[in-house]
Amino acid sequence: SPISYLNQPIDTGLLISQIKFLLIYKKYVYTLSHYIMI
């Protein structure tokens, strides 16, 4: 459940990998939308 997940200690490795994924995803979406606009 979300509550038990919040009570867990923060896994910095997981957090960093999620941030990396978000940055790559945003870059991919931005590039894709840039190509579509051309």
PDB file of N, CA and C in Angstrom:
ATOM      1  N   SER A   1       0.840  -1.201   0.000  1.00  0.00           N
ATOM      2  CA  SER A   1       0.000   0.000   0.000  1.00  0.00           C
ATOM      3  C   SER A   1       0.870   1.244   0.000  1.00  0.00           C
ATOM      4  N   PRO A   2       0.352   2.378  -0.460  1.00  0.00           N
ATOM      5  CA  PRO A   2       1.154   3.610  -0.513  1.00  0.00           C
ATOM      6  C   PRO A   2       1.679   4.027   0.854  1.00  0.00           C
ATOM      7  N   ILE A   3       0.881   3.779   1.918  1.00  0.00           N
ATOM      8  CA  ILE A   3       1.302   4.210   3.254  1.00  0.00           C
ATOM      9  C   ILE A   3       2.544   3.439   3.702  1.00  0.00           C
ATOM     10  N   SER A   4       2.548   2.129   3.509  1.00  0.00           N
ATOM     11  CA  SER A   4       3.711   1.337   3.899  1.00  0.00           C
ATOM     12  C   SER A   4       4.918   1.711   3.031  1.00  0.00           C
ATOM     13  N   TYR A   5       4.649   2.088   1.779  1.00  0.00           N
ATOM     14  CA  TYR A   5       5.746   2.506   0.897  1.00  0.00           C
ATOM     15  C   TYR A   5       6.373   3.800   1.414  1.00  0.00           C
ATOM     16  N   LEU A   6       5.537   4.717   1.872  1.00  0.00           N
ATOM     17  CA  LEU A   6       6.042   5.992   2.382  1.00  0.00           C
ATOM     18  C   LEU A   6       6.835   5.798   3.669  1.00  0.00           C
ATOM     19  N   ASN A   7       6.486   4.768   4.455  1.00  0.00           N
ATOM     20  CA  ASN A   7       7.167   4.547   5.727  1.00  0.00           C
ATOM     21  C   ASN A   7       8.532   3.901   5.544  1.00  0.00           C
ATOM     22  N   GLN A   8       8.794   3.375   4.351  1.00  0.00           N
ATOM     23  CA  GLN A   8      10.091   2.749   4.109  1.00  0.00           C
ATOM     24  C   GLN A   8      11.171   3.824   3.999  1.00  0.00           C
ATOM     25  N   PRO A   9      12.402   3.499   4.387  1.00  0.00           N
ATOM     26  CA  PRO A   9      13.513   4.436   4.182  1.00  0.00           C
ATOM     27  C   PRO A   9      13.729   4.683   2.691  1.00  0.00           C
ATOM     28  N   ILE A  10      14.143   5.880   2.359  1.00  0.00           N
ATOM     29  CA  ILE A  10      14.298   6.255   0.955  1.00  0.00           C
ATOM     30  C   ILE A  10      15.494   5.505   0.356  1.00  0.00           C
ATOM     31  N   ASP A  11      15.248   4.817  -0.747  1.00  0.00           N
ATOM     32  CA  ASP A  11      16.312   4.118  -1.476  1.00  0.00           C
ATOM     33  C   ASP A  11      16.894   5.107  -2.479  1.00  0.00           C
ATOM     34  N   THR A  12      18.079   5.653  -2.149  1.00  0.00           N
ATOM     35  CA  THR A  12      18.655   6.692  -2.997  1.00  0.00           C
ATOM     36  C   THR A  12      18.985   6.159  -4.384  1.00  0.00           C
ATOM     37  N   GLY A  13      19.396   4.903  -4.472  1.00  0.00           N
ATOM     38  CA  GLY A  13      19.710   4.324  -5.782  1.00  0.00           C
ATOM     39  C   GLY A  13      18.475   4.286  -6.663  1.00  0.00           C
ATOM     40  N   LEU A  14      17.349   3.884  -6.062  1.00  0.00           N
ATOM     41  CA  LEU A  14      16.092   3.842  -6.815  1.00  0.00           C
ATOM     42  C   LEU A  14      15.666   5.246  -7.195  1.00  0.00           C
ATOM     43  N   LEU A  15      15.831   6.177  -6.272  1.00  0.00           N
ATOM     44  CA  LEU A  15      15.454   7.562  -6.525  1.00  0.00           C
ATOM     45  C   LEU A  15      16.264   8.135  -7.688  1.00  0.00           C
ATOM     46  N   ILE A  16      17.581   7.891  -7.672  1.00  0.00           N
ATOM     47  CA  ILE A  16      18.451   8.397  -8.732  1.00  0.00           C
ATOM     48  C   ILE A  16      18.072   7.782 -10.071  1.00  0.00           C
ATOM     49  N   SER A  17      17.774   6.482 -10.084  1.00  0.00           N
ATOM     50  CA  SER A  17      17.420   5.830 -11.342  1.00  0.00           C
ATOM     51  C   SER A  17      16.096   6.363 -11.867  1.00  0.00           C
ATOM     52  N   GLN A  18      15.168   6.680 -10.954  1.00  0.00           N
ATOM     53  CA  GLN A  18      13.888   7.253 -11.383  1.00  0.00           C
ATOM     54  C   GLN A  18      14.087   8.650 -11.967  1.00  0.00           C
ATOM     55  N   ILE A  19      14.957   9.438 -11.352  1.00  0.00           N
ATOM     56  CA  ILE A  19      15.230  10.785 -11.849  1.00  0.00           C
ATOM     57  C   ILE A  19      15.904  10.708 -13.220  1.00  0.00           C
ATOM     58  N   LYS A  20      16.861   9.779 -13.358  1.00  0.00           N
ATOM     59  CA  LYS A  20      17.520   9.599 -14.655  1.00  0.00           C
ATOM     60  C   LYS A  20      16.508   9.218 -15.715  1.00  0.00           C
ATOM     61  N   PHE A  21      15.594   8.294 -15.357  1.00  0.00           N
ATOM     62  CA  PHE A  21      14.570   7.858 -16.311  1.00  0.00           C
ATOM     63  C   PHE A  21      13.691   9.039 -16.724  1.00  0.00           C
ATOM     64  N   LEU A  22      13.305   9.869 -15.741  1.00  0.00           N
ATOM     65  CA  LEU A  22      12.456  11.021 -16.051  1.00  0.00           C
ATOM     66  C   LEU A  22      13.173  12.006 -16.969  1.00  0.00           C
ATOM     67  N   LEU A  23      14.468  12.232 -16.710  1.00  0.00           N
ATOM     68  CA  LEU A  23      15.218  13.164 -17.545  1.00  0.00           C
ATOM     69  C   LEU A  23      15.331  12.638 -18.965  1.00  0.00           C
ATOM     70  N   ILE A  24      15.626  11.331 -19.109  1.00  0.00           N
ATOM     71  CA  ILE A  24      15.737  10.736 -20.438  1.00  0.00           C
ATOM     72  C   ILE A  24      14.388  10.766 -21.138  1.00  0.00           C
ATOM     73  N   TYR A  25      13.323  10.478 -20.376  1.00  0.00           N
ATOM     74  CA  TYR A  25      11.976  10.468 -20.946  1.00  0.00           C
ATOM     75  C   TYR A  25      11.590  11.859 -21.441  1.00  0.00           C
ATOM     76  N   LYS A  26      11.878  12.892 -20.626  1.00  0.00           N
ATOM     77  CA  LYS A  26      11.564  14.267 -21.019  1.00  0.00           C
ATOM     78  C   LYS A  26      12.362  14.656 -22.258  1.00  0.00           C
ATOM     79  N   LYS A  27      13.636  14.267 -22.296  1.00  0.00           N
ATOM     80  CA  LYS A  27      14.471  14.584 -23.446  1.00  0.00           C
ATOM     81  C   LYS A  27      13.945  13.897 -24.703  1.00  0.00           C
ATOM     82  N   TYR A  28      13.501  12.633 -24.534  1.00  0.00           N
ATOM     83  CA  TYR A  28      12.967  11.880 -25.661  1.00  0.00           C
ATOM     84  C   TYR A  28      11.682  12.511 -26.180  1.00  0.00           C
ATOM     85  N   VAL A  29      10.785  12.864 -25.258  1.00  0.00           N
ATOM     86  CA  VAL A  29       9.507  13.476 -25.647  1.00  0.00           C
ATOM     87  C   VAL A  29       9.752  14.833 -26.303  1.00  0.00           C
ATOM     88  N   TYR A  30      10.691  15.602 -25.770  1.00  0.00           N
ATOM     89  CA  TYR A  30      10.994  16.912 -26.335  1.00  0.00           C
ATOM     90  C   TYR A  30      11.539  16.764 -27.749  1.00  0.00           C
ATOM     91  N   THR A  31      12.449  15.798 -27.936  1.00  0.00           N
ATOM     92  CA  THR A  31      13.028  15.569 -29.260  1.00  0.00           C
ATOM     93  C   THR A  31      11.957  15.106 -30.230  1.00  0.00           C
ATOM     94  N   LEU A  32      11.084  14.213 -29.756  1.00  0.00           N
ATOM     95  CA  LEU A  32      10.021  13.682 -30.601  1.00  0.00           C
ATOM     96  C   LEU A  32       9.078  14.802 -31.032  1.00  0.00           C
ATOM     97  N   SER A  33       8.671  15.637 -30.091  1.00  0.00           N
ATOM     98  CA  SER A  33       7.742  16.727 -30.410  1.00  0.00           C
ATOM     99  C   SER A  33       8.427  17.742 -31.333  1.00  0.00           C
ATOM    100  N   HIS A  34       9.742  17.900 -31.180  1.00  0.00           N
ATOM    101  CA  HIS A  34      10.492  18.808 -32.042  1.00  0.00           C
ATOM    102  C   HIS A  34      10.477  18.306 -33.478  1.00  0.00           C
ATOM    103  N   TYR A  35      10.654  16.992 -33.645  1.00  0.00           N
ATOM    104  CA  TYR A  35      10.643  16.418 -34.990  1.00  0.00           C
ATOM    105  C   TYR A  35       9.244  16.479 -35.605  1.00  0.00           C
ATOM    106  N   ILE A  36       8.221  16.312 -34.771  1.00  0.00           N
ATOM    107  CA  ILE A  36       6.846  16.349 -35.276  1.00  0.00           C
ATOM    108  C   ILE A  36       6.493  17.759 -35.751  1.00  0.00           C
ATOM    109  N   MET A  37       7.021  18.777 -35.075  1.00  0.00           N
ATOM    110  CA  MET A  37       6.690  20.162 -35.432  1.00  0.00           C
ATOM    111  C   MET A  37       7.349  20.588 -36.729  1.00  0.00           C
ATOM    112  N   ILE A  38       8.432  19.928 -37.097  1.00  0.00           N
ATOM    113  CA  ILE A  38       9.147  20.331 -38.319  1.00  0.00           C
ATOM    114  C   ILE A  38       8.292  20.008 -39.560  1.00  0.00           C
TER     115      ILE A  38
END
